[in-house]
Amino acid sequence: MVQPVLDVAGLKKSFDDIHAVRGVSFSIDPGETYGLLGPNGAGKTTTISMASGLLESDAGTVRVVGEPMTTKTLEPKAKVGLVPQDIAVYPDLTARENLRFFGKLYGMDKNSLGARVDEVLDVIGLTDRADDRADEFSGGMKRRLNIGIGLLHGPSLLILDEPTVGVDPQSRNSILESVERLSAEGLAVLYTTHYMEEAERLCDRVGIIDQGEIKAEGTRRELVHMVGKADRIRISVAGGTHNVVDPLEALSGITKATATDGTVELIAVDAGEVLADALRLVTDAGASVTSVAVEEPDLEAVFLHVTGKALRD
């Protein structure tokens, strides 16, 4: 059995009369990107502050690679790379100087630090700007440097708190590509966002958090199934379709089929599992397929269902 890189159980935190986090639990395995998806004020940042040992919880536990994490423990913190929402770089230092400075703070071996700085510069796409001052960078470049600082010491867990807020589309895509690559290389990632499309693209599993509670958790497909949403398939055809409805509805995974002149529409549990058989039945009925469109329910529909409001409300 794989040991979780991060195991959070029953975290609670209040500030006076405000219950910011109310019993949050989740875990992240090696190579997995776990998304905390929720609006501003949902408890995302408070949760990751406790998960990274910056904030003491009122109740609950955090373990990093099996070791208890508190504000006082050092070894678990060394296995975490935290990239805060606020940019934390020195503007009057170059990208390389920033990385070397933080590497020394991490206590990294000075003989290997230079090579590691070069590796990280390559990962974050700043090799060609390595010797430029950070105050000359765009907001997106500063955020990429911020991520590089979190990666420098080779953590087991990378925590990213809203890393694309306020960046241009090109920098945003670059950040997302970096996260995808790091996850593929085995790094566990905790990613907080209120951008639905980022969670859809990056996250292996998502925890929908609202008012300090995890309202639902799972893969996108599991969450969609949880609320009874289905895929819709539209097949445009040339030729007759009158004999195809009954055979299509007999297919396992298709709950409804309708046909009109030039179009076959299906409602399916999982479009990917039934599409090939559905197309075969359509062509066997004498029709020629001209186009196929698949509409999958997204996390917006799930969020609305489990919280009763849209993500940006």
Protein backbone atom coordinates (compact mmCIF):
# COMPACT_ATOMS: atom_id res chain seq x y z
CA MET A 1 0.00 0.00 0.00
CA VAL A 2 1.34 3.42 -1.01
CA GLN A 3 1.95 5.79 1.89
CA PRO A 4 0.33 9.19 1.31
CA VAL A 5 2.74 12.08 0.96
CA LEU A 6 0.20 14.26 2.77
CA ASP A 7 -2.49 12.99 5.13
CA VAL A 8 -4.84 15.59 6.63
CA ALA A 9 -7.45 14.40 9.15
CA GLY A 10 -10.18 16.43 10.87
CA LEU A 11 -8.53 19.85 10.69
CA LYS A 12 -10.38 22.64 12.45
CA LYS A 13 -9.52 26.29 12.90
CA SER A 14 -11.47 29.24 14.28
CA PHE A 15 -10.63 32.93 14.55
CA ASP A 16 -12.75 34.33 17.35
CA ASP A 17 -16.32 33.59 16.24
CA ILE A 18 -15.38 32.72 12.65
CA HIS A 19 -15.11 28.96 11.96
CA ALA A 20 -12.67 29.08 9.04
CA VAL A 21 -12.06 25.31 8.73
CA ARG A 22 -14.51 22.72 10.01
CA GLY A 23 -13.11 19.19 10.05
CA VAL A 24 -11.28 19.01 6.71
CA SER A 25 -9.76 15.64 5.75
CA PHE A 26 -7.96 14.46 2.58
CA SER A 27 -4.77 12.71 1.45
CA ILE A 28 -2.39 12.99 -1.51
CA ASP A 29 -0.31 10.16 -2.99
CA PRO A 30 3.04 10.46 -4.82
CA GLY A 31 2.56 11.83 -8.33
CA GLU A 32 -0.98 13.00 -7.59
CA THR A 33 -2.29 16.54 -7.97
CA TYR A 34 -5.08 17.24 -5.49
CA GLY A 35 -7.13 20.37 -5.99
CA LEU A 36 -8.92 22.36 -3.32
CA LEU A 37 -11.58 24.09 -5.38
CA GLY A 38 -13.62 26.83 -3.81
CA PRO A 39 -14.44 30.55 -3.78
CA ASN A 40 -12.40 33.17 -1.95
CA GLY A 41 -13.02 32.82 1.79
CA ALA A 42 -13.87 29.11 1.59
CA GLY A 43 -10.98 28.07 3.88
CA LYS A 44 -8.40 27.07 1.26
CA THR A 45 -5.51 29.22 2.48
CA THR A 46 -6.18 28.45 6.16
CA THR A 47 -6.15 24.74 5.34
CA ILE A 48 -2.83 24.85 3.53
CA SER A 49 -1.31 27.04 6.24
CA MET A 50 -2.03 24.22 8.70
CA ALA A 51 -0.93 21.55 6.21
CA SER A 52 2.43 23.27 5.79
CA GLY A 53 3.02 23.85 9.49
CA LEU A 54 2.64 27.64 9.41
CA LEU A 55 -0.55 27.70 11.46
CA GLU A 56 -1.47 25.56 14.46
CA SER A 57 -4.80 23.79 14.15
CA ASP A 58 -7.43 23.79 16.88
CA ALA A 59 -8.04 20.09 16.21
CA GLY A 60 -7.01 17.39 13.76
CA THR A 61 -3.69 16.08 12.47
CA VAL A 62 -1.33 16.55 9.53
CA ARG A 63 1.26 13.98 8.44
CA VAL A 64 3.88 14.47 5.73
CA VAL A 65 5.34 11.16 4.50
CA GLY A 66 4.14 9.64 7.77
CA GLU A 67 5.68 12.27 10.05
CA PRO A 68 3.46 14.51 12.23
CA MET A 69 3.46 18.15 11.10
CA THR A 70 3.00 21.01 13.56
CA THR A 71 4.30 24.56 13.74
CA LYS A 72 7.22 23.24 15.83
CA THR A 73 8.38 20.25 13.75
CA LEU A 74 11.29 20.76 11.36
CA GLU A 75 11.82 17.49 9.46
CA PRO A 76 8.36 17.36 7.87
CA LYS A 77 8.63 21.01 6.83
CA ALA A 78 11.83 20.20 4.94
CA LYS A 79 9.80 17.87 2.71
CA VAL A 80 7.34 20.62 1.73
CA GLY A 81 7.73 23.32 -0.90
CA LEU A 82 5.25 26.12 -0.20
CA VAL A 83 4.40 28.66 -2.89
CA PRO A 84 2.26 31.35 -1.23
CA GLN A 85 -0.41 33.43 -2.92
CA ASP A 86 1.63 36.59 -2.33
CA ILE A 87 4.83 36.74 -4.37
CA ALA A 88 7.84 36.24 -2.09
CA VAL A 89 10.97 37.17 -4.06
CA TYR A 90 13.58 39.88 -3.59
CA PRO A 91 13.05 42.46 -6.37
CA ASP A 92 16.61 43.80 -6.33
CA LEU A 93 18.15 40.32 -6.84
CA THR A 94 18.35 38.44 -10.13
CA ALA A 95 16.46 35.19 -10.62
CA ARG A 96 19.67 33.24 -10.05
CA GLU A 97 20.57 35.27 -6.96
CA ASN A 98 17.09 34.75 -5.51
CA LEU A 99 17.37 31.00 -5.95
CA ARG A 100 20.89 30.86 -4.51
CA PHE A 101 19.80 32.96 -1.52
CA PHE A 102 16.86 30.71 -0.70
CA GLY A 103 18.99 27.63 -1.32
CA LYS A 104 21.36 28.81 1.41
CA LEU A 105 18.39 29.39 3.72
CA TYR A 106 17.35 25.80 3.03
CA GLY A 107 20.84 24.71 4.12
CA MET A 108 21.63 23.19 0.72
CA ASP A 109 25.17 22.06 -0.06
CA LYS A 110 26.94 24.98 -1.74
CA ASN A 111 28.87 22.64 -4.05
CA SER A 112 25.67 21.29 -5.61
CA LEU A 113 23.54 24.42 -5.30
CA GLY A 114 24.68 25.95 -8.58
CA ALA A 115 23.69 22.89 -10.60
CA ARG A 116 20.33 22.69 -8.83
CA VAL A 117 19.65 26.38 -9.52
CA ASP A 118 20.27 25.74 -13.23
CA GLU A 119 17.86 22.77 -13.16
CA VAL A 120 15.13 24.82 -11.53
CA LEU A 121 15.61 27.75 -13.92
CA ASP A 122 15.04 25.31 -16.77
CA VAL A 123 11.90 23.86 -15.14
CA ILE A 124 10.31 27.30 -14.66
CA GLY A 125 11.42 28.57 -18.08
CA LEU A 126 13.64 31.39 -16.87
CA THR A 127 17.07 30.24 -18.04
CA ASP A 128 17.34 33.08 -20.55
CA ARG A 129 16.40 35.64 -17.86
CA ALA A 130 18.48 34.10 -15.07
CA ASP A 131 20.69 37.16 -14.61
CA ASP A 132 17.96 39.79 -14.86
CA ARG A 133 16.62 41.46 -11.72
CA ALA A 134 13.25 40.29 -10.47
CA ASP A 135 11.85 43.82 -10.51
CA GLU A 136 12.22 43.73 -14.31
CA PHE A 137 9.97 40.67 -14.56
CA SER A 138 6.28 40.51 -15.43
CA GLY A 139 3.86 39.29 -12.78
CA GLY A 140 3.78 35.87 -14.41
CA MET A 141 7.58 35.57 -14.43
CA LYS A 142 7.71 36.52 -10.75
CA ARG A 143 5.17 33.79 -9.98
CA ARG A 144 7.26 31.26 -11.91
CA LEU A 145 10.30 32.30 -9.88
CA ASN A 146 8.17 31.90 -6.76
CA ILE A 147 7.43 28.32 -7.81
CA GLY A 148 11.13 27.72 -8.47
CA ILE A 149 11.98 28.74 -4.91
CA GLY A 150 9.46 26.18 -3.63
CA LEU A 151 11.03 23.46 -5.81
CA LEU A 152 14.66 24.24 -5.09
CA HIS A 153 15.25 21.83 -2.20
CA GLY A 154 13.58 18.87 -3.92
CA PRO A 155 10.43 18.55 -1.77
CA SER A 156 8.14 15.53 -1.67
CA LEU A 157 5.10 17.83 -1.60
CA LEU A 158 4.57 21.09 -3.48
CA ILE A 159 1.80 23.35 -2.16
CA LEU A 160 0.56 25.99 -4.57
CA ASP A 161 -1.88 28.60 -3.24
CA GLU A 162 -3.71 30.30 -6.14
CA PRO A 163 -0.50 30.47 -8.23
CA THR A 164 -2.07 32.02 -11.35
CA VAL A 165 -3.94 34.96 -9.80
CA GLY A 166 -3.34 38.13 -11.78
CA VAL A 167 -1.06 36.66 -14.47
CA ASP A 168 -1.37 36.94 -18.25
CA PRO A 169 -2.67 33.96 -20.26
CA GLN A 170 0.76 32.97 -21.60
CA SER A 171 2.35 32.89 -18.13
CA ARG A 172 -0.68 31.10 -16.75
CA ASN A 173 -0.35 28.35 -19.34
CA SER A 174 3.37 28.08 -18.61
CA ILE A 175 2.65 27.62 -14.89
CA LEU A 176 0.04 24.95 -15.58
CA GLU A 177 2.41 23.10 -17.92
CA SER A 178 5.09 23.14 -15.20
CA VAL A 179 2.68 21.66 -12.65
CA GLU A 180 1.64 18.93 -15.10
CA ARG A 181 5.27 18.02 -15.76
CA LEU A 182 6.21 17.94 -12.06
CA SER A 183 3.26 15.71 -11.21
CA ALA A 184 4.20 13.34 -14.04
CA GLU A 185 7.69 13.10 -12.51
CA GLY A 186 6.22 11.87 -9.19
CA LEU A 187 5.83 15.04 -7.13
CA ALA A 188 2.72 15.26 -4.96
CA VAL A 189 0.95 18.59 -5.48
CA LEU A 190 -1.69 20.36 -3.39
CA TYR A 191 -3.24 23.01 -5.62
CA THR A 192 -5.76 25.59 -4.43
CA THR A 193 -7.78 27.53 -6.98
CA HIS A 194 -11.10 29.18 -7.68
CA TYR A 195 -10.63 28.69 -11.42
CA MET A 196 -12.77 25.76 -12.55
CA GLU A 197 -10.78 25.17 -15.75
CA GLU A 198 -7.52 24.80 -13.81
CA ALA A 199 -8.99 22.09 -11.60
CA GLU A 200 -10.41 20.35 -14.68
CA ARG A 201 -7.02 20.38 -16.41
CA LEU A 202 -4.59 19.64 -13.60
CA CYS A 203 -6.18 17.70 -10.79
CA ASP A 204 -6.37 13.92 -10.44
CA ARG A 205 -8.81 14.44 -7.58
CA VAL A 206 -10.70 17.49 -6.40
CA GLY A 207 -12.06 18.47 -3.01
CA ILE A 208 -14.84 21.03 -3.31
CA ILE A 209 -14.51 23.26 -0.26
CA ASP A 210 -17.05 25.82 0.89
CA GLN A 211 -17.60 27.49 4.27
CA GLY A 212 -14.64 25.58 5.70
CA GLU A 213 -15.92 22.09 4.79
CA ILE A 214 -15.16 19.57 2.07
CA LYS A 215 -18.58 19.25 0.44
CA ALA A 216 -17.57 16.57 -2.09
CA GLU A 217 -14.40 14.80 -3.19
CA GLY A 218 -13.26 12.56 -6.03
CA THR A 219 -12.10 12.47 -9.62
CA ARG A 220 -14.01 14.64 -12.07
CA ARG A 221 -15.85 11.56 -13.31
CA GLU A 222 -16.72 10.44 -9.76
CA LEU A 223 -18.01 13.88 -8.84
CA VAL A 224 -20.12 14.08 -11.98
CA HIS A 225 -21.61 10.65 -11.30
CA MET A 226 -22.26 11.63 -7.69
CA VAL A 227 -24.71 14.30 -8.75
CA GLY A 228 -26.28 12.22 -11.52
CA LYS A 229 -24.94 14.18 -14.47
CA ALA A 230 -24.52 12.44 -17.84
CA ASP A 231 -22.57 12.88 -21.08
CA ARG A 232 -24.36 13.95 -24.24
CA ILE A 233 -23.28 12.69 -27.67
CA ARG A 234 -24.46 14.30 -30.91
CA ILE A 235 -23.74 12.34 -34.10
CA SER A 236 -24.39 14.14 -37.39
CA VAL A 237 -25.12 11.72 -40.23
CA ALA A 238 -26.07 11.45 -43.87
CA GLY A 239 -28.62 8.73 -44.51
CA GLY A 240 -31.40 7.01 -42.62
CA THR A 241 -31.47 6.77 -38.82
CA HIS A 242 -34.97 5.36 -38.19
CA ASN A 243 -33.75 1.84 -37.38
CA VAL A 244 -30.96 2.79 -34.98
CA VAL A 245 -32.72 4.02 -31.82
CA ASP A 246 -33.63 0.63 -30.30
CA PRO A 247 -30.17 -0.94 -30.83
CA LEU A 248 -28.51 2.14 -29.33
CA GLU A 249 -30.71 2.14 -26.25
CA ALA A 250 -29.90 -1.55 -25.79
CA LEU A 251 -26.20 -0.70 -25.41
CA SER A 252 -24.95 -0.81 -21.83
CA GLY A 253 -24.15 2.72 -20.67
CA ILE A 254 -26.63 4.53 -22.93
CA THR A 255 -29.72 5.71 -21.08
CA LYS A 256 -31.52 7.43 -23.94
CA ALA A 257 -31.29 7.69 -27.73
CA THR A 258 -33.20 9.91 -30.14
CA ALA A 259 -32.91 10.28 -33.91
CA THR A 260 -34.08 12.92 -36.35
CA ASP A 261 -33.15 13.57 -39.96
CA GLY A 262 -29.41 14.07 -39.96
CA THR A 263 -28.82 13.75 -36.21
CA VAL A 264 -28.57 11.03 -33.54
CA GLU A 265 -28.44 12.20 -29.92
CA LEU A 266 -27.41 9.99 -27.00
CA ILE A 267 -27.29 10.37 -23.23
CA ALA A 268 -24.55 8.16 -21.79
CA VAL A 269 -22.96 7.44 -18.43
CA ASP A 270 -19.47 7.62 -19.97
CA ALA A 271 -19.17 8.75 -23.59
CA GLY A 272 -15.68 7.31 -23.97
CA GLU A 273 -16.84 3.81 -23.15
CA VAL A 274 -19.79 3.68 -25.56
CA LEU A 275 -18.80 5.91 -28.47
CA ALA A 276 -17.09 3.27 -30.63
CA ASP A 277 -20.01 0.82 -30.35
CA ALA A 278 -22.55 3.58 -30.96
CA LEU A 279 -20.78 4.68 -34.15
CA ARG A 280 -20.65 1.09 -35.37
CA LEU A 281 -24.41 0.68 -34.86
CA VAL A 282 -25.11 3.94 -36.69
CA THR A 283 -23.03 2.92 -39.71
CA ASP A 284 -24.50 -0.60 -39.68
CA ALA A 285 -27.93 1.04 -39.99
CA GLY A 286 -26.84 2.56 -43.31
CA ALA A 287 -25.96 6.07 -42.17
CA SER A 288 -22.69 7.86 -42.90
CA VAL A 289 -21.20 9.75 -39.95
CA THR A 290 -20.18 13.31 -40.81
CA SER A 291 -19.30 14.65 -37.35
CA VAL A 292 -19.36 13.76 -33.66
CA ALA A 293 -19.65 16.13 -30.69
CA VAL A 294 -19.39 15.07 -27.04
CA GLU A 295 -20.56 17.34 -24.24
CA GLU A 296 -19.33 16.29 -20.81
CA PRO A 297 -20.67 17.90 -17.63
CA ASP A 298 -18.03 19.99 -15.89
CA LEU A 299 -17.15 20.77 -12.29
CA GLU A 300 -19.21 23.95 -12.44
CA ALA A 301 -22.37 21.82 -12.50
CA VAL A 302 -21.07 19.74 -9.59
CA PHE A 303 -20.12 22.81 -7.56
CA LEU A 304 -23.53 24.36 -8.11
CA HIS A 305 -25.21 21.11 -7.05
CA VAL A 306 -23.27 20.53 -3.82
CA THR A 307 -23.03 24.14 -2.63
CA GLY A 308 -26.17 25.68 -4.08
CA LYS A 309 -24.24 28.52 -5.72
CA ALA A 310 -21.90 29.23 -8.59
CA LEU A 311 -18.15 29.22 -7.88
CA ARG A 312 -17.76 32.98 -8.36
CA ASP A 313 -20.75 33.93 -6.14
